[in-house]
Amino acid sequence: MDGKVCFKCGRELSLDNFYAHPKMKDGYLGKCKDCTKRDVRLHRRSHDSVRAYDRRRHRDNPERRAKNAEGVRRRRQEDPDKARTRNAVNNAVRDGRLSKPRECSECGRTGRIEGHHEDYSRPLDVVWLCALCHRRLEFSVP
């Protein structure tokens, strides 16, 4: 067997698009990874207790905070221009010199909106995109 049908979306996909699950007859979960991720995201957003748990887990775990801080430090060192640009945009939004829209300029989706820069030497020249459009744009650039 080289494929399986997801019971959520109905698509027939290869087995590498399903999570392994030892209690299932064929050894794979019945819904695809995309549907599973979507369900988990929806569950986390709609349950306050899960979000509270996540906040406590981060707050109460010094190793987790230290690892996160180290990652931030490393990214800032690897690309200082990007870090300076991010700071400039955040300060401009905070001070009211730049307004951050509530929707993506590409697809109109609302939610988490991120600033994209074609040129980090022009920090306030920002295109506001949702995370999905931002990733698409970043990975489509040669």
C-alpha atoms as a PDB file:
ATOM      1  CA  MET A   1       0.000   0.000   0.000  1.00  0.00           C
ATOM      2  CA  ASP A   2       1.590   3.270  -1.075  1.00  0.00           C
ATOM      3  CA  GLY A   3      -1.266   5.712  -0.388  1.00  0.00           C
ATOM      4  CA  LYS A   4      -4.192   6.415   1.887  1.00  0.00           C
ATOM      5  CA  VAL A   5      -7.338   8.556   1.865  1.00  0.00           C
ATOM      6  CA  CYS A   6      -7.678  11.185   4.593  1.00  0.00           C
ATOM      7  CA  PHE A   7     -11.038  10.837   6.339  1.00  0.00           C
ATOM      8  CA  LYS A   8     -11.219  14.634   6.937  1.00  0.00           C
ATOM      9  CA  CYS A   9     -10.434  16.147   3.534  1.00  0.00           C
ATOM     10  CA  GLY A  10     -10.969  13.071   1.371  1.00  0.00           C
ATOM     11  CA  ARG A  11      -7.687  13.458  -0.525  1.00  0.00           C
ATOM     12  CA  GLU A  12      -5.684  10.398  -1.494  1.00  0.00           C
ATOM     13  CA  LEU A  13      -2.101  11.008  -0.431  1.00  0.00           C
ATOM     14  CA  SER A  14       1.134   9.073  -0.064  1.00  0.00           C
ATOM     15  CA  LEU A  15       1.858   7.611   3.360  1.00  0.00           C
ATOM     16  CA  ASP A  16       4.536  10.203   4.102  1.00  0.00           C
ATOM     17  CA  ASN A  17       1.660  12.731   4.372  1.00  0.00           C
ATOM     18  CA  PHE A  18       0.273  10.841   7.407  1.00  0.00           C
ATOM     19  CA  TYR A  19       1.663  10.608  10.935  1.00  0.00           C
ATOM     20  CA  ALA A  20       2.733   7.177  12.140  1.00  0.00           C
ATOM     21  CA  HIS A  21       0.345   5.749  14.734  1.00  0.00           C
ATOM     22  CA  PRO A  22       1.096   2.291  16.169  1.00  0.00           C
ATOM     23  CA  LYS A  23      -2.504   1.560  17.214  1.00  0.00           C
ATOM     24  CA  MET A  24      -3.934   2.007  13.720  1.00  0.00           C
ATOM     25  CA  LYS A  25      -4.274  -1.121  11.595  1.00  0.00           C
ATOM     26  CA  ASP A  26      -1.969   0.153   8.848  1.00  0.00           C
ATOM     27  CA  GLY A  27       0.323   2.006  11.275  1.00  0.00           C
ATOM     28  CA  TYR A  28      -0.737   5.518  10.206  1.00  0.00           C
ATOM     29  CA  LEU A  29      -3.234   8.054  11.534  1.00  0.00           C
ATOM     30  CA  GLY A  30      -6.463   8.281   9.540  1.00  0.00           C
ATOM     31  CA  LYS A  31      -6.196  11.994   8.752  1.00  0.00           C
ATOM     32  CA  CYS A  32      -3.400  13.674   6.843  1.00  0.00           C
ATOM     33  CA  LYS A  33      -0.755  15.897   8.421  1.00  0.00           C
ATOM     34  CA  ASP A  34      -2.378  19.062   7.027  1.00  0.00           C
ATOM     35  CA  CYS A  35      -5.755  18.244   8.593  1.00  0.00           C
ATOM     36  CA  THR A  36      -4.111  17.188  11.861  1.00  0.00           C
ATOM     37  CA  LYS A  37      -2.148  20.447  12.081  1.00  0.00           C
ATOM     38  CA  ARG A  38      -5.271  22.477  11.290  1.00  0.00           C
ATOM     39  CA  ASP A  39      -7.253  20.662  14.003  1.00  0.00           C
ATOM     40  CA  VAL A  40      -4.504  21.198  16.587  1.00  0.00           C
ATOM     41  CA  ARG A  41      -4.258  24.901  15.706  1.00  0.00           C
ATOM     42  CA  LEU A  42      -8.043  25.344  16.014  1.00  0.00           C
ATOM     43  CA  HIS A  43      -8.090  23.490  19.326  1.00  0.00           C
ATOM     44  CA  ARG A  44      -5.300  25.652  20.769  1.00  0.00           C
ATOM     45  CA  ARG A  45      -7.023  28.863  19.641  1.00  0.00           C
ATOM     46  CA  SER A  46     -10.437  27.930  20.975  1.00  0.00           C
ATOM     47  CA  HIS A  47      -9.441  26.617  24.413  1.00  0.00           C
ATOM     48  CA  ASP A  48      -8.263  29.183  26.961  1.00  0.00           C
ATOM     49  CA  SER A  49      -6.930  26.449  29.225  1.00  0.00           C
ATOM     50  CA  VAL A  50      -4.493  25.276  26.529  1.00  0.00           C
ATOM     51  CA  ARG A  51      -3.230  28.821  25.918  1.00  0.00           C
ATOM     52  CA  ALA A  52      -2.831  29.329  29.683  1.00  0.00           C
ATOM     53  CA  TYR A  53      -0.861  26.071  29.865  1.00  0.00           C
ATOM     54  CA  ASP A  54       1.438  27.263  27.069  1.00  0.00           C
ATOM     55  CA  ARG A  55       2.080  30.560  28.864  1.00  0.00           C
ATOM     56  CA  ARG A  56       2.817  28.773  32.165  1.00  0.00           C
ATOM     57  CA  ARG A  57       5.059  26.242  30.437  1.00  0.00           C
ATOM     58  CA  HIS A  58       7.153  29.057  28.999  1.00  0.00           C
ATOM     59  CA  ARG A  59       7.092  31.258  32.104  1.00  0.00           C
ATOM     60  CA  ASP A  60       7.880  28.489  34.596  1.00  0.00           C
ATOM     61  CA  ASN A  61      10.635  26.778  32.627  1.00  0.00           C
ATOM     62  CA  PRO A  62      13.974  28.628  32.822  1.00  0.00           C
ATOM     63  CA  GLU A  63      15.625  26.247  30.331  1.00  0.00           C
ATOM     64  CA  ARG A  64      12.921  26.989  27.782  1.00  0.00           C
ATOM     65  CA  ARG A  65      13.283  30.763  28.286  1.00  0.00           C
ATOM     66  CA  ALA A  66      17.066  30.540  28.045  1.00  0.00           C
ATOM     67  CA  LYS A  67      16.897  28.492  24.844  1.00  0.00           C
ATOM     68  CA  ASN A  68      14.467  30.983  23.315  1.00  0.00           C
ATOM     69  CA  ALA A  69      16.659  33.944  24.331  1.00  0.00           C
ATOM     70  CA  GLU A  70      19.714  32.223  22.846  1.00  0.00           C
ATOM     71  CA  GLY A  71      17.881  31.695  19.552  1.00  0.00           C
ATOM     72  CA  VAL A  72      16.931  35.371  19.429  1.00  0.00           C
ATOM     73  CA  ARG A  73      20.532  36.385  20.192  1.00  0.00           C
ATOM     74  CA  ARG A  74      21.885  34.043  17.515  1.00  0.00           C
ATOM     75  CA  ARG A  75      19.459  35.321  14.832  1.00  0.00           C
ATOM     76  CA  ARG A  76      20.343  38.939  15.681  1.00  0.00           C
ATOM     77  CA  GLN A  77      24.055  38.168  15.368  1.00  0.00           C
ATOM     78  CA  GLU A  78      23.604  36.259  12.111  1.00  0.00           C
ATOM     79  CA  ASP A  79      21.733  39.118  10.448  1.00  0.00           C
ATOM     80  CA  PRO A  80      22.160  42.437  12.270  1.00  0.00           C
ATOM     81  CA  ASP A  81      20.584  44.445   9.416  1.00  0.00           C
ATOM     82  CA  LYS A  82      17.397  42.423   9.728  1.00  0.00           C
ATOM     83  CA  ALA A  83      17.359  42.916  13.511  1.00  0.00           C
ATOM     84  CA  ARG A  84      17.839  46.700  13.165  1.00  0.00           C
ATOM     85  CA  THR A  85      15.077  46.855  10.570  1.00  0.00           C
ATOM     86  CA  ARG A  86      12.711  44.848  12.766  1.00  0.00           C
ATOM     87  CA  ASN A  87      13.423  47.213  15.684  1.00  0.00           C
ATOM     88  CA  ALA A  88      12.859  50.290  13.503  1.00  0.00           C
ATOM     89  CA  VAL A  89       9.496  48.977  12.281  1.00  0.00           C
ATOM     90  CA  ASN A  90       8.348  47.970  15.766  1.00  0.00           C
ATOM     91  CA  ASN A  91       9.325  51.390  17.152  1.00  0.00           C
ATOM     92  CA  ALA A  92       7.615  53.223  14.284  1.00  0.00           C
ATOM     93  CA  VAL A  93       4.390  51.234  14.806  1.00  0.00           C
ATOM     94  CA  ARG A  94       4.543  51.867  18.553  1.00  0.00           C
ATOM     95  CA  ASP A  95       5.140  55.601  18.064  1.00  0.00           C
ATOM     96  CA  GLY A  96       2.402  55.945  15.428  1.00  0.00           C
ATOM     97  CA  ARG A  97       4.776  56.844  12.570  1.00  0.00           C
ATOM     98  CA  LEU A  98       3.801  53.664  10.742  1.00  0.00           C
ATOM     99  CA  SER A  99       0.435  51.966  10.824  1.00  0.00           C
ATOM    100  CA  LYS A 100       0.110  48.213  10.714  1.00  0.00           C
ATOM    101  CA  PRO A 101      -3.046  47.079   8.892  1.00  0.00           C
ATOM    102  CA  ARG A 102      -5.288  44.316  10.207  1.00  0.00           C
ATOM    103  CA  GLU A 103      -5.273  42.421   6.923  1.00  0.00           C
ATOM    104  CA  CYS A 104      -2.781  41.013   4.431  1.00  0.00           C
ATOM    105  CA  SER A 105      -2.090  43.290   1.465  1.00  0.00           C
ATOM    106  CA  GLU A 106      -1.806  40.218  -0.774  1.00  0.00           C
ATOM    107  CA  CYS A 107      -4.811  38.012   0.097  1.00  0.00           C
ATOM    108  CA  GLY A 108      -6.839  40.090   2.585  1.00  0.00           C
ATOM    109  CA  ARG A 109      -6.580  37.469   5.341  1.00  0.00           C
ATOM    110  CA  THR A 110      -6.773  38.827   8.893  1.00  0.00           C
ATOM    111  CA  GLY A 111      -4.882  37.586  11.923  1.00  0.00           C
ATOM    112  CA  ARG A 112      -1.131  37.633  12.357  1.00  0.00           C
ATOM    113  CA  ILE A 113       0.253  40.246   9.956  1.00  0.00           C
ATOM    114  CA  GLU A 114       4.009  40.518   9.360  1.00  0.00           C
ATOM    115  CA  GLY A 115       6.155  43.162   7.723  1.00  0.00           C
ATOM    116  CA  HIS A 116       8.135  42.159   4.639  1.00  0.00           C
ATOM    117  CA  HIS A 117      11.132  44.117   3.360  1.00  0.00           C
ATOM    118  CA  GLU A 118      12.558  43.968  -0.138  1.00  0.00           C
ATOM    119  CA  ASP A 119      15.529  46.033   1.078  1.00  0.00           C
ATOM    120  CA  TYR A 120      16.656  46.174   4.729  1.00  0.00           C
ATOM    121  CA  SER A 121      18.388  49.515   4.131  1.00  0.00           C
ATOM    122  CA  ARG A 122      14.887  51.062   3.832  1.00  0.00           C
ATOM    123  CA  PRO A 123      13.367  49.897   7.136  1.00  0.00           C
ATOM    124  CA  LEU A 124      10.055  51.760   6.895  1.00  0.00           C
ATOM    125  CA  ASP A 125       9.328  50.578   3.342  1.00  0.00           C
ATOM    126  CA  VAL A 126       7.166  47.655   4.457  1.00  0.00           C
ATOM    127  CA  VAL A 127       4.710  45.351   2.718  1.00  0.00           C
ATOM    128  CA  TRP A 128       2.245  43.899   5.255  1.00  0.00           C
ATOM    129  CA  LEU A 129       1.525  40.200   4.683  1.00  0.00           C
ATOM    130  CA  CYS A 130      -0.081  37.314   6.537  1.00  0.00           C
ATOM    131  CA  ALA A 131       2.354  34.618   7.657  1.00  0.00           C
ATOM    132  CA  LEU A 132       1.312  32.326   4.795  1.00  0.00           C
ATOM    133  CA  CYS A 133       1.867  34.918   2.030  1.00  0.00           C
ATOM    134  CA  HIS A 134       5.111  36.016   3.710  1.00  0.00           C
ATOM    135  CA  ARG A 135       6.475  32.448   3.656  1.00  0.00           C
ATOM    136  CA  ARG A 136       5.377  31.975   0.052  1.00  0.00           C
ATOM    137  CA  LEU A 137       7.149  35.175  -0.940  1.00  0.00           C
ATOM    138  CA  GLU A 138      10.323  34.324   0.987  1.00  0.00           C
ATOM    139  CA  PHE A 139      10.593  30.839  -0.497  1.00  0.00           C
ATOM    140  CA  SER A 140       9.769  31.891  -4.056  1.00  0.00           C
ATOM    141  CA  VAL A 141      12.637  34.412  -4.203  1.00  0.00           C
ATOM    142  CA  PRO A 142      15.706  32.909  -5.932  1.00  0.00           C
END
